[in-house]
Amino acid sequence: MKVMKKIPKFRSEAEERKFWAKHDSTEYVDWKKGKRMVLPNLKPSVKTISLRLPEAMLEELKLLANKRDVPYQSLMKIFLSEKIREDLKTKRD
């Protein structure tokens, strides 16, 4: 079994960033023991994009969004998210 080095105490995030830029984390952390965790309060990064849609599709999307009382951009994100999850699940099975 490999002996892990002790992670030093850092005085700032900048100091820690500098340290990890120069050191291999596998000498300090046994990543095989790592566990997935959910951080529900983190706000995801967003990026603005341009998307060209047929006018008829956009109007239908707006109608659907209006029926659900949500902005059409939000509904579009919901639809995309559902489809991505569905496709990823299909590929895993």
PDB file of N, CA and C in Angstrom:
ATOM      1  N   MET A   1       0.843  -1.180   0.000  1.00  0.00           N
ATOM      2  CA  MET A   1       0.000   0.000   0.000  1.00  0.00           C
ATOM      3  C   MET A   1       0.891   1.247   0.000  1.00  0.00           C
ATOM      4  N   LYS A   2       0.571   2.175  -0.862  1.00  0.00           N
ATOM      5  CA  LYS A   2       1.352   3.396  -1.010  1.00  0.00           C
ATOM      6  C   LYS A   2       1.048   4.369   0.125  1.00  0.00           C
ATOM      7  N   VAL A   3       2.101   4.941   0.697  1.00  0.00           N
ATOM      8  CA  VAL A   3       1.942   5.921   1.767  1.00  0.00           C
ATOM      9  C   VAL A   3       1.741   7.293   1.129  1.00  0.00           C
ATOM     10  N   MET A   4       0.671   7.942   1.532  1.00  0.00           N
ATOM     11  CA  MET A   4       0.340   9.251   0.988  1.00  0.00           C
ATOM     12  C   MET A   4       1.091  10.354   1.731  1.00  0.00           C
ATOM     13  N   LYS A   5       1.502  11.362   0.988  1.00  0.00           N
ATOM     14  CA  LYS A   5       2.129  12.537   1.603  1.00  0.00           C
ATOM     15  C   LYS A   5       1.031  13.364   2.273  1.00  0.00           C
ATOM     16  N   LYS A   6       1.415  14.128   3.288  1.00  0.00           N
ATOM     17  CA  LYS A   6       0.454  14.971   3.994  1.00  0.00           C
ATOM     18  C   LYS A   6       0.244  16.274   3.225  1.00  0.00           C
ATOM     19  N   ILE A   7      -1.021  16.653   3.050  1.00  0.00           N
ATOM     20  CA  ILE A   7      -1.346  17.909   2.365  1.00  0.00           C
ATOM     21  C   ILE A   7      -1.022  19.060   3.309  1.00  0.00           C
ATOM     22  N   PRO A   8      -0.241  20.021   2.838  1.00  0.00           N
ATOM     23  CA  PRO A   8       0.108  21.148   3.720  1.00  0.00           C
ATOM     24  C   PRO A   8      -1.084  22.063   3.973  1.00  0.00           C
ATOM     25  N   LYS A   9      -0.983  22.870   5.016  1.00  0.00           N
ATOM     26  CA  LYS A   9      -1.987  23.903   5.309  1.00  0.00           C
ATOM     27  C   LYS A   9      -1.657  25.105   4.422  1.00  0.00           C
ATOM     28  N   PHE A  10      -2.693  25.673   3.827  1.00  0.00           N
ATOM     29  CA  PHE A  10      -2.498  26.818   2.936  1.00  0.00           C
ATOM     30  C   PHE A  10      -3.058  28.071   3.584  1.00  0.00           C
ATOM     31  N   ARG A  11      -2.383  29.183   3.354  1.00  0.00           N
ATOM     32  CA  ARG A  11      -2.836  30.465   3.903  1.00  0.00           C
ATOM     33  C   ARG A  11      -3.857  31.146   3.002  1.00  0.00           C
ATOM     34  N   SER A  12      -3.904  30.715   1.735  1.00  0.00           N
ATOM     35  CA  SER A  12      -4.841  31.340   0.803  1.00  0.00           C
ATOM     36  C   SER A  12      -5.130  30.379  -0.348  1.00  0.00           C
ATOM     37  N   GLU A  13      -6.185  30.669  -1.089  1.00  0.00           N
ATOM     38  CA  GLU A  13      -6.505  29.857  -2.265  1.00  0.00           C
ATOM     39  C   GLU A  13      -5.412  29.993  -3.317  1.00  0.00           C
ATOM     40  N   ALA A  14      -4.839  31.194  -3.420  1.00  0.00           N
ATOM     41  CA  ALA A  14      -3.766  31.418  -4.391  1.00  0.00           C
ATOM     42  C   ALA A  14      -2.567  30.523  -4.083  1.00  0.00           C
ATOM     43  N   GLU A  15      -2.236  30.415  -2.805  1.00  0.00           N
ATOM     44  CA  GLU A  15      -1.122  29.556  -2.389  1.00  0.00           C
ATOM     45  C   GLU A  15      -1.435  28.092  -2.703  1.00  0.00           C
ATOM     46  N   GLU A  16      -2.665  27.698  -2.432  1.00  0.00           N
ATOM     47  CA  GLU A  16      -3.061  26.320  -2.723  1.00  0.00           C
ATOM     48  C   GLU A  16      -3.030  26.047  -4.226  1.00  0.00           C
ATOM     49  N   ARG A  17      -3.534  26.965  -5.013  1.00  0.00           N
ATOM     50  CA  ARG A  17      -3.528  26.827  -6.475  1.00  0.00           C
ATOM     51  C   ARG A  17      -2.104  26.644  -6.987  1.00  0.00           C
ATOM     52  N   LYS A  18      -1.197  27.455  -6.475  1.00  0.00           N
ATOM     53  CA  LYS A  18       0.216  27.393  -6.874  1.00  0.00           C
ATOM     54  C   LYS A  18       0.813  26.022  -6.521  1.00  0.00           C
ATOM     55  N   PHE A  19       0.476  25.533  -5.320  1.00  0.00           N
ATOM     56  CA  PHE A  19       0.972  24.235  -4.873  1.00  0.00           C
ATOM     57  C   PHE A  19       0.520  23.123  -5.817  1.00  0.00           C
ATOM     58  N   TRP A  20      -0.801  23.069  -6.094  1.00  0.00           N
ATOM     59  CA  TRP A  20      -1.338  21.981  -6.910  1.00  0.00           C
ATOM     60  C   TRP A  20      -0.912  22.078  -8.368  1.00  0.00           C
ATOM     61  N   ALA A  21      -0.533  23.257  -8.809  1.00  0.00           N
ATOM     62  CA  ALA A  21      -0.028  23.417 -10.174  1.00  0.00           C
ATOM     63  C   ALA A  21       1.327  22.733 -10.344  1.00  0.00           C
ATOM     64  N   LYS A  22       2.047  22.555  -9.219  1.00  0.00           N
ATOM     65  CA  LYS A  22       3.398  21.986  -9.270  1.00  0.00           C
ATOM     66  C   LYS A  22       3.491  20.570  -8.702  1.00  0.00           C
ATOM     67  N   HIS A  23       2.425  20.067  -8.086  1.00  0.00           N
ATOM     68  CA  HIS A  23       2.481  18.758  -7.432  1.00  0.00           C
ATOM     69  C   HIS A  23       1.424  17.816  -7.992  1.00  0.00           C
ATOM     70  N   ASP A  24       1.749  16.544  -7.971  1.00  0.00           N
ATOM     71  CA  ASP A  24       0.838  15.493  -8.440  1.00  0.00           C
ATOM     72  C   ASP A  24      -0.081  15.091  -7.289  1.00  0.00           C
ATOM     73  N   SER A  25      -1.378  15.281  -7.472  1.00  0.00           N
ATOM     74  CA  SER A  25      -2.331  14.996  -6.392  1.00  0.00           C
ATOM     75  C   SER A  25      -2.367  13.522  -6.006  1.00  0.00           C
ATOM     76  N   THR A  26      -1.961  12.619  -6.913  1.00  0.00           N
ATOM     77  CA  THR A  26      -1.995  11.190  -6.580  1.00  0.00           C
ATOM     78  C   THR A  26      -0.967  10.822  -5.508  1.00  0.00           C
ATOM     79  N   GLU A  27      -0.027  11.724  -5.232  1.00  0.00           N
ATOM     80  CA  GLU A  27       0.923  11.489  -4.138  1.00  0.00           C
ATOM     81  C   GLU A  27       0.326  11.894  -2.791  1.00  0.00           C
ATOM     82  N   TYR A  28      -0.795  12.605  -2.825  1.00  0.00           N
ATOM     83  CA  TYR A  28      -1.417  13.144  -1.616  1.00  0.00           C
ATOM     84  C   TYR A  28      -2.824  12.595  -1.351  1.00  0.00           C
ATOM     85  N   VAL A  29      -3.477  12.130  -2.403  1.00  0.00           N
ATOM     86  CA  VAL A  29      -4.865  11.675  -2.283  1.00  0.00           C
ATOM     87  C   VAL A  29      -5.019  10.319  -2.960  1.00  0.00           C
ATOM     88  N   ASP A  30      -5.666   9.388  -2.290  1.00  0.00           N
ATOM     89  CA  ASP A  30      -5.979   8.089  -2.890  1.00  0.00           C
ATOM     90  C   ASP A  30      -7.332   8.224  -3.582  1.00  0.00           C
ATOM     91  N   TRP A  31      -7.289   8.519  -4.873  1.00  0.00           N
ATOM     92  CA  TRP A  31      -8.523   8.799  -5.611  1.00  0.00           C
ATOM     93  C   TRP A  31      -9.423   7.577  -5.754  1.00  0.00           C
ATOM     94  N   LYS A  32      -8.890   6.379  -5.513  1.00  0.00           N
ATOM     95  CA  LYS A  32      -9.727   5.165  -5.564  1.00  0.00           C
ATOM     96  C   LYS A  32     -10.745   5.155  -4.429  1.00  0.00           C
ATOM     97  N   LYS A  33     -10.456   5.893  -3.367  1.00  0.00           N
ATOM     98  CA  LYS A  33     -11.372   5.973  -2.229  1.00  0.00           C
ATOM     99  C   LYS A  33     -12.359   7.135  -2.385  1.00  0.00           C
ATOM    100  N   GLY A  34     -12.214   7.883  -3.467  1.00  0.00           N
ATOM    101  CA  GLY A  34     -13.082   9.038  -3.698  1.00  0.00           C
ATOM    102  C   GLY A  34     -14.527   8.620  -3.915  1.00  0.00           C
ATOM    103  N   LYS A  35     -15.434   9.480  -3.541  1.00  0.00           N
ATOM    104  CA  LYS A  35     -16.862   9.226  -3.723  1.00  0.00           C
ATOM    105  C   LYS A  35     -17.486  10.408  -4.442  1.00  0.00           C
ATOM    106  N   ARG A  36     -18.465  10.113  -5.275  1.00  0.00           N
ATOM    107  CA  ARG A  36     -19.214  11.177  -5.938  1.00  0.00           C
ATOM    108  C   ARG A  36     -20.058  11.902  -4.910  1.00  0.00           C
ATOM    109  N   MET A  37     -20.171  13.202  -5.098  1.00  0.00           N
ATOM    110  CA  MET A  37     -21.053  13.946  -4.212  1.00  0.00           C
ATOM    111  C   MET A  37     -21.812  14.984  -5.020  1.00  0.00           C
ATOM    112  N   VAL A  38     -22.964  15.307  -4.536  1.00  0.00           N
ATOM    113  CA  VAL A  38     -23.810  16.292  -5.182  1.00  0.00           C
ATOM    114  C   VAL A  38     -23.733  17.585  -4.385  1.00  0.00           C
ATOM    115  N   LEU A  39     -23.511  18.666  -5.075  1.00  0.00           N
ATOM    116  CA  LEU A  39     -23.463  19.983  -4.446  1.00  0.00           C
ATOM    117  C   LEU A  39     -24.645  20.784  -4.991  1.00  0.00           C
ATOM    118  N   PRO A  40     -25.814  20.609  -4.382  1.00  0.00           N
ATOM    119  CA  PRO A  40     -27.035  21.169  -4.954  1.00  0.00           C
ATOM    120  C   PRO A  40     -27.117  22.686  -4.944  1.00  0.00           C
ATOM    121  N   ASN A  41     -26.353  23.352  -4.113  1.00  0.00           N
ATOM    122  CA  ASN A  41     -26.450  24.805  -4.031  1.00  0.00           C
ATOM    123  C   ASN A  41     -25.476  25.539  -4.935  1.00  0.00           C
ATOM    124  N   LEU A  42     -24.697  24.793  -5.723  1.00  0.00           N
ATOM    125  CA  LEU A  42     -23.785  25.444  -6.650  1.00  0.00           C
ATOM    126  C   LEU A  42     -24.562  25.941  -7.858  1.00  0.00           C
ATOM    127  N   LYS A  43     -24.283  27.131  -8.262  1.00  0.00           N
ATOM    128  CA  LYS A  43     -24.937  27.695  -9.434  1.00  0.00           C
ATOM    129  C   LYS A  43     -24.076  27.348 -10.647  1.00  0.00           C
ATOM    130  N   PRO A  44     -24.640  26.632 -11.616  1.00  0.00           N
ATOM    131  CA  PRO A  44     -23.817  26.227 -12.754  1.00  0.00           C
ATOM    132  C   PRO A  44     -23.393  27.425 -13.600  1.00  0.00           C
ATOM    133  N   SER A  45     -22.233  27.300 -14.190  1.00  0.00           N
ATOM    134  CA  SER A  45     -21.771  28.332 -15.110  1.00  0.00           C
ATOM    135  C   SER A  45     -22.658  28.305 -16.340  1.00  0.00           C
ATOM    136  N   VAL A  46     -22.935  29.457 -16.879  1.00  0.00           N
ATOM    137  CA  VAL A  46     -23.751  29.525 -18.087  1.00  0.00           C
ATOM    138  C   VAL A  46     -22.983  30.282 -19.159  1.00  0.00           C
ATOM    139  N   LYS A  47     -23.297  29.960 -20.390  1.00  0.00           N
ATOM    140  CA  LYS A  47     -22.679  30.627 -21.523  1.00  0.00           C
ATOM    141  C   LYS A  47     -23.780  31.020 -22.490  1.00  0.00           C
ATOM    142  N   THR A  48     -23.732  32.242 -22.946  1.00  0.00           N
ATOM    143  CA  THR A  48     -24.708  32.728 -23.907  1.00  0.00           C
ATOM    144  C   THR A  48     -24.332  32.236 -25.299  1.00  0.00           C
ATOM    145  N   ILE A  49     -25.327  31.723 -26.018  1.00  0.00           N
ATOM    146  CA  ILE A  49     -25.105  31.261 -27.386  1.00  0.00           C
ATOM    147  C   ILE A  49     -26.173  31.851 -28.292  1.00  0.00           C
ATOM    148  N   SER A  50     -25.908  31.812 -29.578  1.00  0.00           N
ATOM    149  CA  SER A  50     -26.925  32.157 -30.581  1.00  0.00           C
ATOM    150  C   SER A  50     -27.396  30.851 -31.201  1.00  0.00           C
ATOM    151  N   LEU A  51     -28.681  30.769 -31.424  1.00  0.00           N
ATOM    152  CA  LEU A  51     -29.245  29.546 -31.985  1.00  0.00           C
ATOM    153  C   LEU A  51     -30.272  29.947 -33.027  1.00  0.00           C
ATOM    154  N   ARG A  52     -30.084  29.492 -34.231  1.00  0.00           N
ATOM    155  CA  ARG A  52     -31.040  29.790 -35.293  1.00  0.00           C
ATOM    156  C   ARG A  52     -32.087  28.685 -35.342  1.00  0.00           C
ATOM    157  N   LEU A  53     -33.341  29.076 -35.200  1.00  0.00           N
ATOM    158  CA  LEU A  53     -34.455  28.132 -35.256  1.00  0.00           C
ATOM    159  C   LEU A  53     -35.436  28.579 -36.324  1.00  0.00           C
ATOM    160  N   PRO A  54     -36.111  27.619 -36.939  1.00  0.00           N
ATOM    161  CA  PRO A  54     -37.187  28.023 -37.848  1.00  0.00           C
ATOM    162  C   PRO A  54     -38.237  28.817 -37.061  1.00  0.00           C
ATOM    163  N   GLU A  55     -38.781  29.854 -37.680  1.00  0.00           N
ATOM    164  CA  GLU A  55     -39.743  30.715 -36.989  1.00  0.00           C
ATOM    165  C   GLU A  55     -40.925  29.920 -36.445  1.00  0.00           C
ATOM    166  N   ALA A  56     -41.414  28.957 -37.238  1.00  0.00           N
ATOM    167  CA  ALA A  56     -42.563  28.159 -36.802  1.00  0.00           C
ATOM    168  C   ALA A  56     -42.232  27.383 -35.527  1.00  0.00           C
ATOM    169  N   MET A  57     -41.014  26.825 -35.444  1.00  0.00           N
ATOM    170  CA  MET A  57     -40.605  26.075 -34.262  1.00  0.00           C
ATOM    171  C   MET A  57     -40.541  26.995 -33.049  1.00  0.00           C
ATOM    172  N   LEU A  58     -40.001  28.179 -33.244  1.00  0.00           N
ATOM    173  CA  LEU A  58     -39.895  29.135 -32.152  1.00  0.00           C
ATOM    174  C   LEU A  58     -41.283  29.548 -31.654  1.00  0.00           C
ATOM    175  N   GLU A  59     -42.207  29.767 -32.566  1.00  0.00           N
ATOM    176  CA  GLU A  59     -43.566  30.137 -32.172  1.00  0.00           C
ATOM    177  C   GLU A  59     -44.246  29.007 -31.401  1.00  0.00           C
ATOM    178  N   GLU A  60     -44.033  27.769 -31.847  1.00  0.00           N
ATOM    179  CA  GLU A  60     -44.610  26.616 -31.130  1.00  0.00           C
ATOM    180  C   GLU A  60     -44.006  26.505 -29.731  1.00  0.00           C
ATOM    181  N   LEU A  61     -42.713  26.722 -29.643  1.00  0.00           N
ATOM    182  CA  LEU A  61     -42.031  26.683 -28.350  1.00  0.00           C
ATOM    183  C   LEU A  61     -42.591  27.757 -27.413  1.00  0.00           C
ATOM    184  N   LYS A  62     -42.815  28.941 -27.952  1.00  0.00           N
ATOM    185  CA  LYS A  62     -43.376  30.022 -27.147  1.00  0.00           C
ATOM    186  C   LYS A  62     -44.791  29.692 -26.680  1.00  0.00           C
ATOM    187  N   LEU A  63     -45.576  29.053 -27.540  1.00  0.00           N
ATOM    188  CA  LEU A  63     -46.928  28.646 -27.145  1.00  0.00           C
ATOM    189  C   LEU A  63     -46.882  27.629 -26.002  1.00  0.00           C
ATOM    190  N   LEU A  64     -46.004  26.635 -26.144  1.00  0.00           N
ATOM    191  CA  LEU A  64     -45.863  25.624 -25.087  1.00  0.00           C
ATOM    192  C   LEU A  64     -45.414  26.271 -23.780  1.00  0.00           C
ATOM    193  N   ALA A  65     -44.460  27.175 -23.877  1.00  0.00           N
ATOM    194  CA  ALA A  65     -43.946  27.849 -22.687  1.00  0.00           C
ATOM    195  C   ALA A  65     -45.045  28.676 -22.028  1.00  0.00           C
ATOM    196  N   ASN A  66     -45.841  29.359 -22.838  1.00  0.00           N
ATOM    197  CA  ASN A  66     -46.930  30.182 -22.318  1.00  0.00           C
ATOM    198  C   ASN A  66     -47.949  29.322 -21.560  1.00  0.00           C
ATOM    199  N   LYS A  67     -48.251  28.141 -22.097  1.00  0.00           N
ATOM    200  CA  LYS A  67     -49.186  27.227 -21.431  1.00  0.00           C
ATOM    201  C   LYS A  67     -48.652  26.774 -20.073  1.00  0.00           C
ATOM    202  N   ARG A  68     -47.328  26.658 -19.982  1.00  0.00           N
ATOM    203  CA  ARG A  68     -46.702  26.215 -18.723  1.00  0.00           C
ATOM    204  C   ARG A  68     -46.307  27.385 -17.836  1.00  0.00           C
ATOM    205  N   ASP A  69     -46.514  28.583 -18.337  1.00  0.00           N
ATOM    206  CA  ASP A  69     -46.195  29.807 -17.611  1.00  0.00           C
ATOM    207  C   ASP A  69     -44.712  29.887 -17.232  1.00  0.00           C
ATOM    208  N   VAL A  70     -43.861  29.570 -18.221  1.00  0.00           N
ATOM    209  CA  VAL A  70     -42.405  29.691 -18.054  1.00  0.00           C
ATOM    210  C   VAL A  70     -41.840  30.428 -19.274  1.00  0.00           C
ATOM    211  N   PRO A  71     -40.700  31.070 -19.131  1.00  0.00           N
ATOM    212  CA  PRO A  71     -40.073  31.690 -20.308  1.00  0.00           C
ATOM    213  C   PRO A  71     -39.668  30.608 -21.322  1.00  0.00           C
ATOM    214  N   TYR A  72     -39.769  30.944 -22.593  1.00  0.00           N
ATOM    215  CA  TYR A  72     -39.482  29.927 -23.607  1.00  0.00           C
ATOM    216  C   TYR A  72     -38.031  29.461 -23.556  1.00  0.00           C
ATOM    217  N   GLN A  73     -37.099  30.344 -23.155  1.00  0.00           N
ATOM    218  CA  GLN A  73     -35.705  29.919 -23.040  1.00  0.00           C
ATOM    219  C   GLN A  73     -35.550  28.857 -21.952  1.00  0.00           C
ATOM    220  N   SER A  74     -36.281  29.015 -20.858  1.00  0.00           N
ATOM    221  CA  SER A  74     -36.226  28.027 -19.773  1.00  0.00           C
ATOM    222  C   SER A  74     -36.802  26.696 -20.231  1.00  0.00           C
ATOM    223  N   LEU A  75     -37.895  26.759 -20.958  1.00  0.00           N
ATOM    224  CA  LEU A  75     -38.499  25.524 -21.471  1.00  0.00           C
ATOM    225  C   LEU A  75     -37.537  24.827 -22.429  1.00  0.00           C
ATOM    226  N   MET A  76     -36.857  25.592 -23.245  1.00  0.00           N
ATOM    227  CA  MET A  76     -35.888  25.013 -24.172  1.00  0.00           C
ATOM    228  C   MET A  76     -34.780  24.298 -23.396  1.00  0.00           C
ATOM    229  N   LYS A  77     -34.298  24.909 -22.302  1.00  0.00           N
ATOM    230  CA  LYS A  77     -33.264  24.261 -21.474  1.00  0.00           C
ATOM    231  C   LYS A  77     -33.790  22.969 -20.858  1.00  0.00           C
ATOM    232  N   ILE A  78     -35.052  22.984 -20.429  1.00  0.00           N
ATOM    233  CA  ILE A  78     -35.654  21.774 -19.859  1.00  0.00           C
ATOM    234  C   ILE A  78     -35.691  20.667 -20.902  1.00  0.00           C
ATOM    235  N   PHE A  79     -36.172  20.992 -22.099  1.00  0.00           N
ATOM    236  CA  PHE A  79     -36.249  19.996 -23.174  1.00  0.00           C
ATOM    237  C   PHE A  79     -34.870  19.450 -23.525  1.00  0.00           C
ATOM    238  N   LEU A  80     -33.886  20.334 -23.637  1.00  0.00           N
ATOM    239  CA  LEU A  80     -32.528  19.884 -23.963  1.00  0.00           C
ATOM    240  C   LEU A  80     -31.962  18.990 -22.867  1.00  0.00           C
ATOM    241  N   SER A  81     -32.171  19.388 -21.623  1.00  0.00           N
ATOM    242  CA  SER A  81     -31.678  18.617 -20.496  1.00  0.00           C
ATOM    243  C   SER A  81     -32.288  17.217 -20.472  1.00  0.00           C
ATOM    244  N   GLU A  82     -33.603  17.139 -20.688  1.00  0.00           N
ATOM    245  CA  GLU A  82     -34.284  15.840 -20.699  1.00  0.00           C
ATOM    246  C   GLU A  82     -33.745  14.953 -21.815  1.00  0.00           C
ATOM    247  N   LYS A  83     -33.549  15.515 -22.987  1.00  0.00           N
ATOM    248  CA  LYS A  83     -33.062  14.741 -24.130  1.00  0.00           C
ATOM    249  C   LYS A  83     -31.630  14.269 -23.906  1.00  0.00           C
ATOM    250  N   ILE A  84     -30.800  15.133 -23.348  1.00  0.00           N
ATOM    251  CA  ILE A  84     -29.411  14.750 -23.068  1.00  0.00           C
ATOM    252  C   ILE A  84     -29.372  13.607 -22.066  1.00  0.00           C
ATOM    253  N   ARG A  85     -30.144  13.734 -20.977  1.00  0.00           N
ATOM    254  CA  ARG A  85     -30.201  12.678 -19.963  1.00  0.00           C
ATOM    255  C   ARG A  85     -30.681  11.368 -20.571  1.00  0.00           C
ATOM    256  N   GLU A  86     -31.711  11.454 -21.397  1.00  0.00           N
ATOM    257  CA  GLU A  86     -32.268  10.268 -22.047  1.00  0.00           C
ATOM    258  C   GLU A  86     -31.233   9.593 -22.950  1.00  0.00           C
ATOM    259  N   ASP A  87     -30.547  10.383 -23.760  1.00  0.00           N
ATOM    260  CA  ASP A  87     -29.541   9.816 -24.662  1.00  0.00           C
ATOM    261  C   ASP A  87     -28.363   9.216 -23.890  1.00  0.00           C
ATOM    262  N   LEU A  88     -27.915   9.879 -22.841  1.00  0.00           N
ATOM    263  CA  LEU A  88     -26.807   9.351 -22.046  1.00  0.00           C
ATOM    264  C   LEU A  88     -27.209   8.046 -21.359  1.00  0.00           C
ATOM    265  N   LYS A  89     -28.433   7.967 -20.876  1.00  0.00           N
ATOM    266  CA  LYS A  89     -28.915   6.749 -20.226  1.00  0.00           C
ATOM    267  C   LYS A  89     -28.959   5.608 -21.227  1.00  0.00           C
ATOM    268  N   THR A  90     -29.415   5.883 -22.441  1.00  0.00           N
ATOM    269  CA  THR A  90     -29.503   4.881 -23.484  1.00  0.00           C
ATOM    270  C   THR A  90     -28.115   4.348 -23.833  1.00  0.00           C
ATOM    271  N   LYS A  91     -27.124   5.230 -23.901  1.00  0.00           N
ATOM    272  CA  LYS A  91     -25.761   4.812 -24.235  1.00  0.00           C
ATOM    273  C   LYS A  91     -25.138   3.965 -23.130  1.00  0.00           C
ATOM    274  N   ARG A  92     -25.517   4.206 -21.860  1.00  0.00           N
ATOM    275  CA  ARG A  92     -24.979   3.428 -20.729  1.00  0.00           C
ATOM    276  C   ARG A  92     -25.585   2.038 -20.665  1.00  0.00           C
ATOM    277  N   ASP A  93     -26.817   1.907 -21.114  1.00  0.00           N
ATOM    278  CA  ASP A  93     -27.512   0.596 -21.018  1.00  0.00           C
ATOM    279  C   ASP A  93     -27.065  -0.371 -22.072  1.00  0.00           C
TER     280      ASP A  93
END
